[in-house]
Amino acid sequence: MKRLLHGLTLVMLAALLVACGPQRQSVFPPTLTIQQMRVQPNGSWQLSLRIQNNSYTGMNYQSIEGQLQVAQGIPVRVHAAFNLDIPSFAGDVLQIDVLPTPAMNQALQAIAGKGSAGSLAYALDGTVHCQPNLDDHPDNKNPRDFPFHSNDFLSPVPGIAHTYR
């Protein structure tokens, strides 16, 4: 009985020592969506991309590489380098300019006159490059590349010309 009590005490002591170690920060892929799109006077589209950090730690987002496809047309390249520190479970917005194809412009013009009843399907795919903000462990900053995929619709914003959400 005494031996069992000593063994149980050792197991509990080992469990307590393990619990004293550094907390593990779980890192999960972010969510990227188009929050708003504006047609610029030069014909380019300014995308307001929302990056939602789904990790239990803050992340430093550094760049994205991807493509935007509108209405089943030919996709265009979406690329940007930036430096955004986003706290855990928070989001931030990034502005990116893209050059649409003539077919993309025609698809957008087709829904522009319909007001909020018009909608245009889009797909945003690619990779976001980031690394955890682990201030407690600066030598443990492993860069991460997360794929992202977003499907949704853009509709004209009533009362604001050349703006879609």
C-alpha atoms as a PDB file:
ATOM      1  CA  MET A   1       0.000   0.000   0.000  1.00  0.00           C
ATOM      2  CA  LYS A   2       2.823   2.330   0.885  1.00  0.00           C
ATOM      3  CA  ARG A   3       4.485   1.607  -2.469  1.00  0.00           C
ATOM      4  CA  LEU A   4       1.252   2.412  -4.330  1.00  0.00           C
ATOM      5  CA  LEU A   5       0.936   5.715  -2.474  1.00  0.00           C
ATOM      6  CA  HIS A   6       4.538   6.654  -3.365  1.00  0.00           C
ATOM      7  CA  GLY A   7       3.919   5.742  -7.010  1.00  0.00           C
ATOM      8  CA  LEU A   8       0.745   7.789  -7.131  1.00  0.00           C
ATOM      9  CA  THR A   9       2.565  10.749  -5.559  1.00  0.00           C
ATOM     10  CA  LEU A  10       5.311  10.535  -8.193  1.00  0.00           C
ATOM     11  CA  VAL A  11       2.766  10.466 -11.022  1.00  0.00           C
ATOM     12  CA  MET A  12       0.955  13.514  -9.591  1.00  0.00           C
ATOM     13  CA  LEU A  13       4.267  15.367  -9.158  1.00  0.00           C
ATOM     14  CA  ALA A  14       5.239  14.608 -12.773  1.00  0.00           C
ATOM     15  CA  ALA A  15       1.822  15.848 -13.984  1.00  0.00           C
ATOM     16  CA  LEU A  16       2.266  19.084 -12.044  1.00  0.00           C
ATOM     17  CA  LEU A  17       5.723  19.634 -13.542  1.00  0.00           C
ATOM     18  CA  VAL A  18       4.399  19.072 -17.067  1.00  0.00           C
ATOM     19  CA  ALA A  19       1.619  21.616 -16.452  1.00  0.00           C
ATOM     20  CA  CYS A  20       4.232  24.232 -15.512  1.00  0.00           C
ATOM     21  CA  GLY A  21       5.687  24.231 -19.040  1.00  0.00           C
ATOM     22  CA  PRO A  22       4.981  26.940 -21.611  1.00  0.00           C
ATOM     23  CA  GLN A  23       1.473  27.082 -23.009  1.00  0.00           C
ATOM     24  CA  ARG A  24       1.223  25.761 -26.546  1.00  0.00           C
ATOM     25  CA  GLN A  25      -0.223  28.280 -28.971  1.00  0.00           C
ATOM     26  CA  SER A  26      -2.547  26.719 -31.538  1.00  0.00           C
ATOM     27  CA  VAL A  27      -2.280  28.191 -35.044  1.00  0.00           C
ATOM     28  CA  PHE A  28      -5.089  27.787 -37.590  1.00  0.00           C
ATOM     29  CA  PRO A  29      -5.606  28.997 -41.185  1.00  0.00           C
ATOM     30  CA  PRO A  30      -7.101  32.482 -41.577  1.00  0.00           C
ATOM     31  CA  THR A  31     -10.239  33.346 -43.537  1.00  0.00           C
ATOM     32  CA  LEU A  32      -9.926  35.844 -46.419  1.00  0.00           C
ATOM     33  CA  THR A  33     -12.970  37.483 -48.001  1.00  0.00           C
ATOM     34  CA  ILE A  34     -13.696  40.523 -50.149  1.00  0.00           C
ATOM     35  CA  GLN A  35     -15.280  43.057 -47.827  1.00  0.00           C
ATOM     36  CA  GLN A  36     -15.714  45.693 -50.536  1.00  0.00           C
ATOM     37  CA  MET A  37     -14.707  46.335 -54.142  1.00  0.00           C
ATOM     38  CA  ARG A  38     -14.466  49.737 -55.857  1.00  0.00           C
ATOM     39  CA  VAL A  39     -13.975  50.452 -59.542  1.00  0.00           C
ATOM     40  CA  GLN A  40     -11.222  53.086 -59.781  1.00  0.00           C
ATOM     41  CA  PRO A  41     -11.256  55.887 -62.419  1.00  0.00           C
ATOM     42  CA  ASN A  42      -8.365  54.159 -64.254  1.00  0.00           C
ATOM     43  CA  GLY A  43     -10.436  50.948 -64.583  1.00  0.00           C
ATOM     44  CA  SER A  44      -8.612  48.912 -61.928  1.00  0.00           C
ATOM     45  CA  TRP A  45     -10.511  47.329 -59.063  1.00  0.00           C
ATOM     46  CA  GLN A  46      -9.571  48.135 -55.482  1.00  0.00           C
ATOM     47  CA  LEU A  47     -10.324  45.161 -53.274  1.00  0.00           C
ATOM     48  CA  SER A  48     -10.746  45.560 -49.535  1.00  0.00           C
ATOM     49  CA  LEU A  49      -9.726  42.100 -48.322  1.00  0.00           C
ATOM     50  CA  ARG A  50     -10.654  41.117 -44.793  1.00  0.00           C
ATOM     51  CA  ILE A  51      -8.178  38.795 -43.097  1.00  0.00           C
ATOM     52  CA  GLN A  52      -9.725  37.007 -40.114  1.00  0.00           C
ATOM     53  CA  ASN A  53      -7.155  35.450 -37.772  1.00  0.00           C
ATOM     54  CA  ASN A  54      -8.556  32.147 -36.485  1.00  0.00           C
ATOM     55  CA  SER A  55      -5.557  31.318 -34.273  1.00  0.00           C
ATOM     56  CA  TYR A  56      -5.194  31.334 -30.500  1.00  0.00           C
ATOM     57  CA  THR A  57      -2.182  33.635 -30.882  1.00  0.00           C
ATOM     58  CA  GLY A  58      -1.537  36.874 -32.721  1.00  0.00           C
ATOM     59  CA  MET A  59      -0.162  36.475 -36.229  1.00  0.00           C
ATOM     60  CA  ASN A  60       2.017  38.657 -38.447  1.00  0.00           C
ATOM     61  CA  TYR A  61       0.634  38.449 -42.000  1.00  0.00           C
ATOM     62  CA  GLN A  62       3.262  39.312 -44.617  1.00  0.00           C
ATOM     63  CA  SER A  63       1.960  38.596 -48.122  1.00  0.00           C
ATOM     64  CA  ILE A  64      -0.646  36.887 -50.248  1.00  0.00           C
ATOM     65  CA  GLU A  65      -0.404  35.238 -53.625  1.00  0.00           C
ATOM     66  CA  GLY A  66      -3.560  34.177 -55.345  1.00  0.00           C
ATOM     67  CA  GLN A  67      -6.124  34.684 -58.042  1.00  0.00           C
ATOM     68  CA  LEU A  68      -9.564  36.227 -58.372  1.00  0.00           C
ATOM     69  CA  GLN A  69     -12.120  34.652 -60.676  1.00  0.00           C
ATOM     70  CA  VAL A  70     -15.359  36.464 -61.482  1.00  0.00           C
ATOM     71  CA  ALA A  71     -18.376  34.848 -63.160  1.00  0.00           C
ATOM     72  CA  GLN A  72     -16.550  31.710 -64.330  1.00  0.00           C
ATOM     73  CA  GLY A  73     -14.135  33.845 -66.379  1.00  0.00           C
ATOM     74  CA  ILE A  74     -10.368  33.822 -66.630  1.00  0.00           C
ATOM     75  CA  PRO A  75      -8.804  34.485 -63.198  1.00  0.00           C
ATOM     76  CA  VAL A  76      -6.529  37.478 -62.556  1.00  0.00           C
ATOM     77  CA  ARG A  77      -3.535  37.574 -60.249  1.00  0.00           C
ATOM     78  CA  VAL A  78      -3.913  38.951 -56.725  1.00  0.00           C
ATOM     79  CA  HIS A  79      -0.579  39.639 -55.042  1.00  0.00           C
ATOM     80  CA  ALA A  80       0.542  41.956 -52.241  1.00  0.00           C
ATOM     81  CA  ALA A  81       3.335  42.273 -49.700  1.00  0.00           C
ATOM     82  CA  PHE A  82       2.431  43.970 -46.421  1.00  0.00           C
ATOM     83  CA  ASN A  83       2.962  43.780 -42.666  1.00  0.00           C
ATOM     84  CA  LEU A  84      -0.203  43.265 -40.600  1.00  0.00           C
ATOM     85  CA  ASP A  85      -0.134  42.167 -36.971  1.00  0.00           C
ATOM     86  CA  ILE A  86      -3.566  40.745 -36.177  1.00  0.00           C
ATOM     87  CA  PRO A  87      -4.406  39.654 -32.613  1.00  0.00           C
ATOM     88  CA  SER A  88      -5.982  36.278 -31.906  1.00  0.00           C
ATOM     89  CA  PHE A  89      -9.541  35.886 -33.222  1.00  0.00           C
ATOM     90  CA  ALA A  90      -9.524  39.412 -34.710  1.00  0.00           C
ATOM     91  CA  GLY A  91      -9.574  40.708 -38.266  1.00  0.00           C
ATOM     92  CA  ASP A  92      -8.114  43.526 -40.320  1.00  0.00           C
ATOM     93  CA  VAL A  93      -8.625  44.950 -43.812  1.00  0.00           C
ATOM     94  CA  LEU A  94      -6.049  45.204 -46.584  1.00  0.00           C
ATOM     95  CA  GLN A  95      -6.359  47.225 -49.829  1.00  0.00           C
ATOM     96  CA  ILE A  96      -5.188  45.528 -53.048  1.00  0.00           C
ATOM     97  CA  ASP A  97      -5.546  46.766 -56.635  1.00  0.00           C
ATOM     98  CA  VAL A  98      -6.190  44.273 -59.440  1.00  0.00           C
ATOM     99  CA  LEU A  99      -6.520  44.728 -63.193  1.00  0.00           C
ATOM    100  CA  PRO A 100      -9.726  43.063 -64.393  1.00  0.00           C
ATOM    101  CA  THR A 101     -10.138  41.412 -67.765  1.00  0.00           C
ATOM    102  CA  PRO A 102     -12.643  42.886 -70.268  1.00  0.00           C
ATOM    103  CA  ALA A 103     -14.989  39.963 -69.527  1.00  0.00           C
ATOM    104  CA  MET A 104     -14.852  40.774 -65.803  1.00  0.00           C
ATOM    105  CA  ASN A 105     -15.734  44.413 -66.536  1.00  0.00           C
ATOM    106  CA  GLN A 106     -18.648  43.334 -68.752  1.00  0.00           C
ATOM    107  CA  ALA A 107     -19.980  41.014 -66.032  1.00  0.00           C
ATOM    108  CA  LEU A 108     -19.777  43.863 -63.511  1.00  0.00           C
ATOM    109  CA  GLN A 109     -21.545  46.306 -65.828  1.00  0.00           C
ATOM    110  CA  ALA A 110     -24.334  43.776 -66.360  1.00  0.00           C
ATOM    111  CA  ILE A 111     -25.247  43.850 -62.648  1.00  0.00           C
ATOM    112  CA  ALA A 112     -24.522  47.560 -62.030  1.00  0.00           C
ATOM    113  CA  GLY A 113     -27.971  48.662 -63.201  1.00  0.00           C
ATOM    114  CA  LYS A 114     -29.802  46.088 -61.099  1.00  0.00           C
ATOM    115  CA  GLY A 115     -28.962  47.747 -57.781  1.00  0.00           C
ATOM    116  CA  SER A 116     -28.784  45.529 -54.733  1.00  0.00           C
ATOM    117  CA  ALA A 117     -30.834  42.863 -56.572  1.00  0.00           C
ATOM    118  CA  GLY A 118     -27.866  42.134 -58.861  1.00  0.00           C
ATOM    119  CA  SER A 119     -25.084  39.823 -57.779  1.00  0.00           C
ATOM    120  CA  LEU A 120     -21.859  38.582 -59.297  1.00  0.00           C
ATOM    121  CA  ALA A 121     -20.202  35.360 -58.132  1.00  0.00           C
ATOM    122  CA  TYR A 122     -16.507  35.403 -57.342  1.00  0.00           C
ATOM    123  CA  ALA A 123     -13.859  32.959 -56.153  1.00  0.00           C
ATOM    124  CA  LEU A 124     -10.690  34.017 -54.372  1.00  0.00           C
ATOM    125  CA  ASP A 125      -7.971  31.363 -54.028  1.00  0.00           C
ATOM    126  CA  GLY A 126      -4.323  31.405 -53.033  1.00  0.00           C
ATOM    127  CA  THR A 127      -1.790  31.294 -50.225  1.00  0.00           C
ATOM    128  CA  VAL A 128      -1.195  33.688 -47.342  1.00  0.00           C
ATOM    129  CA  HIS A 129       2.282  33.889 -45.753  1.00  0.00           C
ATOM    130  CA  CYS A 130       2.492  34.598 -42.021  1.00  0.00           C
ATOM    131  CA  GLN A 131       4.164  33.701 -38.757  1.00  0.00           C
ATOM    132  CA  PRO A 132       2.964  33.514 -35.151  1.00  0.00           C
ATOM    133  CA  ASN A 133       3.670  36.427 -32.798  1.00  0.00           C
ATOM    134  CA  LEU A 134       5.147  34.421 -29.971  1.00  0.00           C
ATOM    135  CA  ASP A 135       6.703  37.172 -27.860  1.00  0.00           C
ATOM    136  CA  ASP A 136       7.415  34.757 -25.013  1.00  0.00           C
ATOM    137  CA  HIS A 137       9.429  32.504 -27.310  1.00  0.00           C
ATOM    138  CA  PRO A 138      11.143  34.647 -30.011  1.00  0.00           C
ATOM    139  CA  ASP A 139      13.188  31.691 -31.276  1.00  0.00           C
ATOM    140  CA  ASN A 140       9.988  29.704 -31.968  1.00  0.00           C
ATOM    141  CA  LYS A 141       8.671  31.841 -34.865  1.00  0.00           C
ATOM    142  CA  ASN A 142       8.040  29.313 -37.596  1.00  0.00           C
ATOM    143  CA  PRO A 143       6.839  30.895 -40.857  1.00  0.00           C
ATOM    144  CA  ARG A 144       3.565  29.424 -42.080  1.00  0.00           C
ATOM    145  CA  ASP A 145       1.915  29.292 -45.491  1.00  0.00           C
ATOM    146  CA  PHE A 146      -1.832  28.743 -45.395  1.00  0.00           C
ATOM    147  CA  PRO A 147      -4.020  28.128 -48.451  1.00  0.00           C
ATOM    148  CA  PHE A 148      -7.275  30.074 -48.605  1.00  0.00           C
ATOM    149  CA  HIS A 149     -10.439  29.724 -50.656  1.00  0.00           C
ATOM    150  CA  SER A 150     -13.434  32.036 -50.652  1.00  0.00           C
ATOM    151  CA  ASN A 151     -16.643  31.879 -52.715  1.00  0.00           C
ATOM    152  CA  ASP A 152     -19.252  34.599 -52.440  1.00  0.00           C
ATOM    153  CA  PHE A 153     -21.161  37.273 -54.363  1.00  0.00           C
ATOM    154  CA  LEU A 154     -20.607  40.985 -55.039  1.00  0.00           C
ATOM    155  CA  SER A 155     -23.643  43.289 -55.237  1.00  0.00           C
ATOM    156  CA  PRO A 156     -23.836  47.019 -55.976  1.00  0.00           C
ATOM    157  CA  VAL A 157     -24.035  49.254 -52.909  1.00  0.00           C
ATOM    158  CA  PRO A 158     -27.145  51.452 -53.139  1.00  0.00           C
ATOM    159  CA  GLY A 159     -26.279  55.145 -53.274  1.00  0.00           C
ATOM    160  CA  ILE A 160     -22.507  54.660 -53.679  1.00  0.00           C
ATOM    161  CA  ALA A 161     -21.442  54.558 -57.320  1.00  0.00           C
ATOM    162  CA  HIS A 162     -18.882  52.007 -58.489  1.00  0.00           C
ATOM    163  CA  THR A 163     -18.869  50.221 -55.115  1.00  0.00           C
ATOM    164  CA  TYR A 164     -19.781  46.577 -54.519  1.00  0.00           C
ATOM    165  CA  ARG A 165     -20.051  44.407 -51.401  1.00  0.00           C
END
